[in-house]
N, C-alpha and C. Protein backbone atom coordinates (compact mmCIF):
# COMPACT_ATOMS: atom_id res chain seq x y z
N ARG A 1 -5.67 16.97 7.19
CA ARG A 1 -4.50 16.32 6.61
C ARG A 1 -4.70 14.81 6.64
N ASN A 2 -4.51 14.20 5.51
CA ASN A 2 -4.70 12.76 5.35
C ASN A 2 -3.49 12.13 4.67
N ILE A 3 -3.01 11.05 5.26
CA ILE A 3 -1.87 10.31 4.71
C ILE A 3 -2.34 8.91 4.37
N LEU A 4 -1.99 8.46 3.18
CA LEU A 4 -2.28 7.11 2.73
C LEU A 4 -1.00 6.30 2.80
N ILE A 5 -1.02 5.23 3.62
CA ILE A 5 0.12 4.31 3.66
C ILE A 5 -0.32 3.06 2.92
N ALA A 6 0.29 2.84 1.76
CA ALA A 6 -0.02 1.66 0.95
C ALA A 6 0.93 0.55 1.36
N THR A 7 0.37 -0.60 1.71
CA THR A 7 1.20 -1.70 2.18
C THR A 7 0.87 -2.99 1.46
N ASP A 8 1.90 -3.79 1.22
CA ASP A 8 1.69 -5.11 0.62
C ASP A 8 1.89 -6.21 1.65
N GLY A 9 2.15 -5.80 2.90
CA GLY A 9 2.32 -6.77 3.97
C GLY A 9 3.73 -7.31 4.12
N SER A 10 4.63 -6.89 3.25
CA SER A 10 6.00 -7.39 3.30
C SER A 10 6.79 -6.71 4.41
N GLU A 11 7.92 -7.30 4.76
CA GLU A 11 8.81 -6.68 5.75
C GLU A 11 9.26 -5.32 5.25
N ASN A 12 9.49 -5.23 3.95
CA ASN A 12 9.92 -3.98 3.36
C ASN A 12 8.92 -2.86 3.58
N SER A 13 7.64 -3.18 3.52
CA SER A 13 6.63 -2.13 3.69
C SER A 13 6.57 -1.65 5.14
N GLN A 14 7.12 -2.41 6.07
CA GLN A 14 7.12 -2.00 7.48
C GLN A 14 7.90 -0.69 7.68
N ARG A 15 8.99 -0.51 6.92
CA ARG A 15 9.73 0.76 7.00
C ARG A 15 8.87 1.93 6.55
N ALA A 16 8.12 1.72 5.47
CA ALA A 16 7.24 2.78 4.98
C ALA A 16 6.15 3.09 6.00
N ILE A 17 5.62 2.05 6.65
CA ILE A 17 4.61 2.26 7.69
C ILE A 17 5.19 3.12 8.81
N SER A 18 6.38 2.80 9.25
CA SER A 18 7.02 3.58 10.33
C SER A 18 7.19 5.04 9.94
N TYR A 19 7.66 5.29 8.72
CA TYR A 19 7.83 6.67 8.26
C TYR A 19 6.48 7.38 8.19
N GLY A 20 5.49 6.73 7.60
CA GLY A 20 4.18 7.34 7.46
C GLY A 20 3.54 7.69 8.79
N ILE A 21 3.65 6.76 9.74
CA ILE A 21 3.08 7.00 11.07
C ILE A 21 3.81 8.15 11.77
N GLU A 22 5.12 8.20 11.63
CA GLU A 22 5.89 9.28 12.26
C GLU A 22 5.50 10.64 11.67
N ILE A 23 5.34 10.71 10.36
CA ILE A 23 4.91 11.97 9.72
C ILE A 23 3.52 12.35 10.22
N ALA A 24 2.63 11.38 10.32
CA ALA A 24 1.27 11.64 10.80
C ALA A 24 1.29 12.14 12.24
N LYS A 25 2.13 11.54 13.05
CA LYS A 25 2.23 11.93 14.46
C LYS A 25 2.69 13.39 14.58
N ILE A 26 3.69 13.74 13.81
CA ILE A 26 4.23 15.10 13.85
C ILE A 26 3.23 16.12 13.31
N SER A 27 2.52 15.75 12.25
CA SER A 27 1.62 16.70 11.58
C SER A 27 0.17 16.64 12.07
N GLY A 28 -0.15 15.62 12.87
CA GLY A 28 -1.52 15.48 13.34
C GLY A 28 -2.46 14.94 12.27
N ALA A 29 -1.92 14.26 11.29
CA ALA A 29 -2.74 13.75 10.19
C ALA A 29 -3.42 12.44 10.56
N ARG A 30 -4.51 12.17 9.83
CA ARG A 30 -5.18 10.88 9.91
C ARG A 30 -4.52 9.97 8.88
N VAL A 31 -4.45 8.68 9.18
CA VAL A 31 -3.80 7.72 8.28
C VAL A 31 -4.82 6.71 7.76
N TYR A 32 -4.70 6.42 6.50
CA TYR A 32 -5.43 5.31 5.88
C TYR A 32 -4.39 4.24 5.56
N GLY A 33 -4.56 3.07 6.15
CA GLY A 33 -3.70 1.93 5.85
C GLY A 33 -4.37 1.14 4.74
N LEU A 34 -3.80 1.16 3.55
CA LEU A 34 -4.44 0.60 2.37
C LEU A 34 -3.69 -0.61 1.83
N HIS A 35 -4.44 -1.65 1.54
CA HIS A 35 -3.91 -2.82 0.84
C HIS A 35 -4.83 -3.12 -0.32
N VAL A 36 -4.24 -3.44 -1.47
CA VAL A 36 -5.03 -3.79 -2.64
C VAL A 36 -4.86 -5.28 -2.94
N ILE A 37 -5.97 -6.00 -2.93
CA ILE A 37 -5.96 -7.40 -3.34
C ILE A 37 -5.84 -7.39 -4.86
N ASP A 38 -4.75 -7.93 -5.35
CA ASP A 38 -4.44 -7.86 -6.77
C ASP A 38 -5.28 -8.85 -7.56
N THR A 39 -6.55 -8.52 -7.75
CA THR A 39 -7.44 -9.39 -8.53
C THR A 39 -7.11 -9.31 -10.01
N PHE A 40 -6.35 -8.31 -10.40
CA PHE A 40 -5.92 -8.17 -11.79
C PHE A 40 -5.04 -9.36 -12.18
N SER A 41 -4.27 -9.86 -11.21
CA SER A 41 -3.38 -10.99 -11.47
C SER A 41 -4.12 -12.32 -11.54
N LEU A 42 -5.27 -12.39 -10.89
CA LEU A 42 -6.05 -13.62 -10.94
C LEU A 42 -6.79 -13.67 -12.27
N SER A 43 -6.26 -14.41 -13.19
CA SER A 43 -6.82 -14.48 -14.54
C SER A 43 -8.28 -14.90 -14.50
N GLN A 44 -9.07 -14.28 -15.34
CA GLN A 44 -10.49 -14.61 -15.41
C GLN A 44 -10.71 -16.04 -15.89
N SER A 45 -9.76 -16.57 -16.66
CA SER A 45 -9.92 -17.92 -17.19
C SER A 45 -9.47 -18.99 -16.20
N TRP A 46 -8.81 -18.56 -15.12
CA TRP A 46 -8.30 -19.50 -14.14
C TRP A 46 -9.38 -19.72 -13.09
N THR A 47 -9.96 -20.90 -13.05
CA THR A 47 -11.07 -21.15 -12.12
C THR A 47 -10.71 -22.11 -11.00
N ALA A 48 -9.81 -23.04 -11.23
CA ALA A 48 -9.46 -24.04 -10.21
C ALA A 48 -8.77 -23.37 -9.02
N GLY A 49 -9.40 -23.44 -7.87
CA GLY A 49 -8.81 -22.88 -6.65
C GLY A 49 -8.87 -21.38 -6.53
N ARG A 50 -9.54 -20.72 -7.45
CA ARG A 50 -9.60 -19.25 -7.46
C ARG A 50 -10.15 -18.69 -6.16
N GLU A 51 -11.25 -19.26 -5.67
CA GLU A 51 -11.85 -18.76 -4.43
C GLU A 51 -10.91 -18.93 -3.24
N SER A 52 -10.22 -20.06 -3.18
CA SER A 52 -9.28 -20.31 -2.08
C SER A 52 -8.13 -19.31 -2.12
N ILE A 53 -7.61 -19.07 -3.31
CA ILE A 53 -6.51 -18.11 -3.44
C ILE A 53 -6.98 -16.71 -3.07
N TYR A 54 -8.18 -16.36 -3.51
CA TYR A 54 -8.73 -15.05 -3.17
C TYR A 54 -8.83 -14.89 -1.65
N GLU A 55 -9.32 -15.91 -0.97
CA GLU A 55 -9.46 -15.84 0.49
C GLU A 55 -8.10 -15.68 1.17
N ILE A 56 -7.09 -16.35 0.66
CA ILE A 56 -5.73 -16.21 1.20
C ILE A 56 -5.25 -14.78 1.00
N LEU A 57 -5.43 -14.25 -0.20
CA LEU A 57 -5.01 -12.87 -0.50
C LEU A 57 -5.76 -11.87 0.36
N LYS A 58 -7.04 -12.11 0.58
CA LYS A 58 -7.84 -11.21 1.42
C LYS A 58 -7.33 -11.23 2.87
N ARG A 59 -7.06 -12.42 3.39
CA ARG A 59 -6.55 -12.55 4.75
C ARG A 59 -5.20 -11.83 4.89
N GLU A 60 -4.34 -12.00 3.89
CA GLU A 60 -3.04 -11.31 3.93
C GLU A 60 -3.23 -9.80 3.91
N GLY A 61 -4.19 -9.33 3.14
CA GLY A 61 -4.48 -7.89 3.08
C GLY A 61 -4.99 -7.36 4.41
N GLU A 62 -5.85 -8.13 5.06
CA GLU A 62 -6.37 -7.73 6.37
C GLU A 62 -5.24 -7.66 7.40
N GLU A 63 -4.34 -8.63 7.34
CA GLU A 63 -3.19 -8.63 8.25
C GLU A 63 -2.29 -7.43 7.97
N ALA A 64 -2.09 -7.11 6.70
CA ALA A 64 -1.22 -5.99 6.32
C ALA A 64 -1.78 -4.67 6.83
N THR A 65 -3.08 -4.44 6.67
CA THR A 65 -3.65 -3.17 7.13
C THR A 65 -3.71 -3.12 8.67
N PHE A 66 -3.86 -4.29 9.29
CA PHE A 66 -3.87 -4.32 10.75
C PHE A 66 -2.51 -3.92 11.31
N LYS A 67 -1.43 -4.27 10.61
CA LYS A 67 -0.09 -3.85 11.05
C LYS A 67 0.02 -2.32 11.06
N VAL A 68 -0.59 -1.66 10.08
CA VAL A 68 -0.58 -0.20 10.04
C VAL A 68 -1.36 0.34 11.24
N LYS A 69 -2.52 -0.27 11.50
CA LYS A 69 -3.35 0.17 12.63
C LYS A 69 -2.61 -0.01 13.95
N GLU A 70 -1.96 -1.15 14.13
CA GLU A 70 -1.19 -1.41 15.37
C GLU A 70 -0.09 -0.37 15.57
N CYS A 71 0.63 -0.09 14.51
CA CYS A 71 1.72 0.89 14.58
C CYS A 71 1.16 2.27 14.91
N GLY A 72 0.03 2.61 14.31
CA GLY A 72 -0.61 3.89 14.59
C GLY A 72 -1.06 3.99 16.03
N GLU A 73 -1.72 2.94 16.52
CA GLU A 73 -2.20 2.96 17.91
C GLU A 73 -1.05 3.12 18.89
N ALA A 74 0.06 2.47 18.61
CA ALA A 74 1.23 2.56 19.50
C ALA A 74 1.78 3.99 19.53
N SER A 75 1.52 4.77 18.48
CA SER A 75 2.02 6.15 18.41
C SER A 75 0.94 7.19 18.64
N GLY A 76 -0.28 6.74 18.93
CA GLY A 76 -1.37 7.68 19.15
C GLY A 76 -1.91 8.32 17.88
N VAL A 77 -1.79 7.59 16.75
CA VAL A 77 -2.25 8.10 15.46
C VAL A 77 -3.48 7.31 15.03
N GLU A 78 -4.51 8.03 14.60
CA GLU A 78 -5.73 7.39 14.12
C GLU A 78 -5.49 6.75 12.76
N VAL A 79 -5.84 5.48 12.63
CA VAL A 79 -5.66 4.75 11.37
C VAL A 79 -6.97 4.09 10.97
N LYS A 80 -7.36 4.32 9.74
CA LYS A 80 -8.52 3.63 9.18
C LYS A 80 -8.00 2.59 8.18
N GLU A 81 -8.41 1.34 8.37
CA GLU A 81 -7.97 0.26 7.49
C GLU A 81 -8.85 0.23 6.24
N VAL A 82 -8.20 0.10 5.08
CA VAL A 82 -8.92 0.07 3.80
C VAL A 82 -8.40 -1.11 2.99
N LEU A 83 -9.33 -1.95 2.53
CA LEU A 83 -8.99 -3.10 1.70
C LEU A 83 -9.74 -2.94 0.38
N LEU A 84 -8.99 -2.87 -0.72
CA LEU A 84 -9.59 -2.71 -2.04
C LEU A 84 -9.20 -3.88 -2.93
N GLU A 85 -9.86 -3.99 -4.07
CA GLU A 85 -9.55 -5.02 -5.04
C GLU A 85 -9.28 -4.37 -6.39
N GLY A 86 -8.38 -4.97 -7.16
CA GLY A 86 -8.12 -4.47 -8.50
C GLY A 86 -6.64 -4.47 -8.80
N HIS A 87 -6.24 -3.53 -9.66
CA HIS A 87 -4.83 -3.37 -10.01
C HIS A 87 -4.23 -2.42 -8.98
N PRO A 88 -3.20 -2.86 -8.22
CA PRO A 88 -2.70 -2.06 -7.10
C PRO A 88 -2.39 -0.60 -7.40
N SER A 89 -1.61 -0.31 -8.41
CA SER A 89 -1.24 1.08 -8.65
C SER A 89 -2.47 1.93 -8.99
N ASN A 90 -3.37 1.41 -9.80
CA ASN A 90 -4.58 2.16 -10.15
C ASN A 90 -5.45 2.43 -8.93
N GLU A 91 -5.61 1.43 -8.08
CA GLU A 91 -6.47 1.58 -6.90
C GLU A 91 -5.87 2.57 -5.90
N ILE A 92 -4.56 2.53 -5.74
CA ILE A 92 -3.88 3.47 -4.83
C ILE A 92 -4.09 4.90 -5.31
N ILE A 93 -3.86 5.12 -6.59
CA ILE A 93 -4.02 6.47 -7.16
C ILE A 93 -5.46 6.94 -7.06
N ASP A 94 -6.41 6.08 -7.44
CA ASP A 94 -7.83 6.45 -7.39
C ASP A 94 -8.26 6.79 -5.97
N PHE A 95 -7.84 5.96 -5.00
CA PHE A 95 -8.23 6.22 -3.61
C PHE A 95 -7.67 7.56 -3.15
N ALA A 96 -6.40 7.81 -3.45
CA ALA A 96 -5.76 9.06 -3.02
C ALA A 96 -6.46 10.27 -3.61
N GLU A 97 -6.76 10.21 -4.89
CA GLU A 97 -7.36 11.36 -5.56
C GLU A 97 -8.82 11.57 -5.16
N ASN A 98 -9.51 10.53 -4.75
CA ASN A 98 -10.93 10.64 -4.40
C ASN A 98 -11.20 10.77 -2.90
N ASN A 99 -10.15 10.78 -2.08
CA ASN A 99 -10.34 10.84 -0.63
C ASN A 99 -9.51 11.93 0.03
N ASP A 100 -9.20 12.99 -0.71
CA ASP A 100 -8.52 14.15 -0.14
C ASP A 100 -7.21 13.78 0.56
N ILE A 101 -6.44 12.88 -0.06
CA ILE A 101 -5.16 12.46 0.51
C ILE A 101 -4.10 13.50 0.17
N ASP A 102 -3.29 13.87 1.17
CA ASP A 102 -2.24 14.86 0.99
C ASP A 102 -0.89 14.23 0.67
N LEU A 103 -0.70 12.97 1.07
CA LEU A 103 0.58 12.30 0.86
C LEU A 103 0.36 10.79 0.80
N ILE A 104 1.00 10.16 -0.18
CA ILE A 104 1.01 8.70 -0.27
C ILE A 104 2.38 8.24 0.20
N VAL A 105 2.42 7.28 1.12
CA VAL A 105 3.68 6.71 1.60
C VAL A 105 3.67 5.23 1.25
N MET A 106 4.73 4.78 0.61
CA MET A 106 4.81 3.37 0.24
C MET A 106 6.26 2.93 0.14
N GLY A 107 6.45 1.63 0.23
CA GLY A 107 7.79 1.08 0.14
C GLY A 107 8.11 0.61 -1.26
N THR A 108 9.38 0.35 -1.48
CA THR A 108 9.84 -0.23 -2.73
C THR A 108 11.00 -1.15 -2.41
N LEU A 109 11.18 -2.14 -3.23
CA LEU A 109 12.32 -3.05 -3.05
C LEU A 109 13.60 -2.44 -3.57
N GLY A 110 13.49 -1.32 -4.30
CA GLY A 110 14.67 -0.67 -4.83
C GLY A 110 15.29 -1.42 -5.99
N LYS A 111 14.51 -2.21 -6.70
CA LYS A 111 15.03 -2.97 -7.83
C LYS A 111 15.36 -2.02 -8.98
N THR A 112 16.34 -2.40 -9.76
CA THR A 112 16.72 -1.59 -10.90
C THR A 112 16.88 -2.48 -12.12
N GLY A 113 17.05 -1.85 -13.25
CA GLY A 113 17.36 -2.57 -14.47
C GLY A 113 16.37 -3.64 -14.85
N LEU A 114 16.88 -4.83 -15.18
CA LEU A 114 16.07 -5.92 -15.69
C LEU A 114 15.05 -6.39 -14.66
N ASP A 115 15.43 -6.45 -13.37
CA ASP A 115 14.47 -6.87 -12.33
C ASP A 115 13.24 -5.98 -12.34
N ARG A 116 13.47 -4.68 -12.42
CA ARG A 116 12.35 -3.74 -12.40
C ARG A 116 11.50 -3.90 -13.66
N PHE A 117 12.17 -4.07 -14.80
CA PHE A 117 11.45 -4.22 -16.06
C PHE A 117 10.59 -5.47 -16.06
N LEU A 118 11.13 -6.58 -15.58
CA LEU A 118 10.41 -7.84 -15.60
C LEU A 118 9.27 -7.87 -14.59
N MET A 119 9.49 -7.34 -13.42
CA MET A 119 8.50 -7.44 -12.36
C MET A 119 7.50 -6.29 -12.38
N GLY A 120 7.90 -5.18 -12.93
CA GLY A 120 7.05 -4.00 -12.83
C GLY A 120 7.13 -3.48 -11.41
N SER A 121 6.75 -2.27 -11.19
CA SER A 121 6.83 -1.71 -9.85
C SER A 121 5.60 -0.87 -9.57
N VAL A 122 4.84 -1.29 -8.56
CA VAL A 122 3.66 -0.52 -8.16
C VAL A 122 4.10 0.88 -7.75
N ALA A 123 5.16 0.97 -6.97
CA ALA A 123 5.63 2.28 -6.50
C ALA A 123 6.01 3.17 -7.68
N GLU A 124 6.71 2.61 -8.64
CA GLU A 124 7.12 3.40 -9.80
C GLU A 124 5.92 3.94 -10.56
N LYS A 125 4.91 3.09 -10.76
CA LYS A 125 3.71 3.52 -11.47
C LYS A 125 2.96 4.61 -10.69
N VAL A 126 2.89 4.45 -9.38
CA VAL A 126 2.21 5.46 -8.57
C VAL A 126 2.95 6.78 -8.65
N VAL A 127 4.28 6.75 -8.55
CA VAL A 127 5.07 7.98 -8.63
C VAL A 127 4.87 8.67 -9.97
N ARG A 128 4.86 7.90 -11.04
CA ARG A 128 4.73 8.46 -12.38
C ARG A 128 3.36 9.08 -12.64
N ILE A 129 2.30 8.47 -12.11
CA ILE A 129 0.94 8.86 -12.50
C ILE A 129 0.22 9.73 -11.47
N SER A 130 0.52 9.56 -10.20
CA SER A 130 -0.25 10.23 -9.15
C SER A 130 -0.11 11.75 -9.19
N LYS A 131 -1.23 12.42 -8.94
CA LYS A 131 -1.24 13.87 -8.79
C LYS A 131 -0.95 14.24 -7.34
N VAL A 132 -1.04 13.25 -6.45
CA VAL A 132 -0.78 13.44 -5.02
C VAL A 132 0.71 13.16 -4.78
N PRO A 133 1.40 13.96 -3.95
CA PRO A 133 2.80 13.69 -3.65
C PRO A 133 2.99 12.28 -3.08
N VAL A 134 4.12 11.66 -3.44
CA VAL A 134 4.41 10.29 -3.02
C VAL A 134 5.77 10.25 -2.35
N LEU A 135 5.81 9.64 -1.16
CA LEU A 135 7.07 9.37 -0.47
C LEU A 135 7.33 7.88 -0.60
N VAL A 136 8.44 7.56 -1.28
CA VAL A 136 8.80 6.15 -1.47
C VAL A 136 9.95 5.85 -0.52
N VAL A 137 9.75 4.84 0.32
CA VAL A 137 10.74 4.45 1.31
C VAL A 137 11.42 3.17 0.83
N ARG A 138 12.71 3.25 0.60
CA ARG A 138 13.46 2.09 0.11
C ARG A 138 13.66 1.08 1.23
N GLY A 139 13.65 -0.17 0.86
CA GLY A 139 13.93 -1.23 1.82
C GLY A 139 15.41 -1.28 2.12
N GLU A 140 15.74 -1.93 3.20
CA GLU A 140 17.15 -2.10 3.53
C GLU A 140 17.76 -3.11 2.58
N GLU A 141 18.92 -2.76 2.07
CA GLU A 141 19.60 -3.67 1.11
C GLU A 141 20.21 -4.82 1.84
């Protein structure tokens, strides 16, 4: 049994981490703490400061996956940290489908209407496209 906890490092994703770790603890599953560095957003034509921004995003991703590992260790759950690059929803789905993942756990801001349309939602795209079951944990309003 394998659970993928996708995290963006936000406070909101902490709730999803807690849920995912608790499910893993109960079921005896292994957890993959996954963060995707959104290189899709870094325009290919944008060169000034690109490396610096990439390093900041990488550091944030490492911190985000480490939070999953810390939470897992505190609960006696094995967590493997995974840092990928690309378009977040695509990378989450690809990782889940190629690594025998039984459940994807991720957070959402719970945005609706125009906010969701303008910002797009990684969680929404994963739910729509993934062949693997997805548990979406809403943030506190």
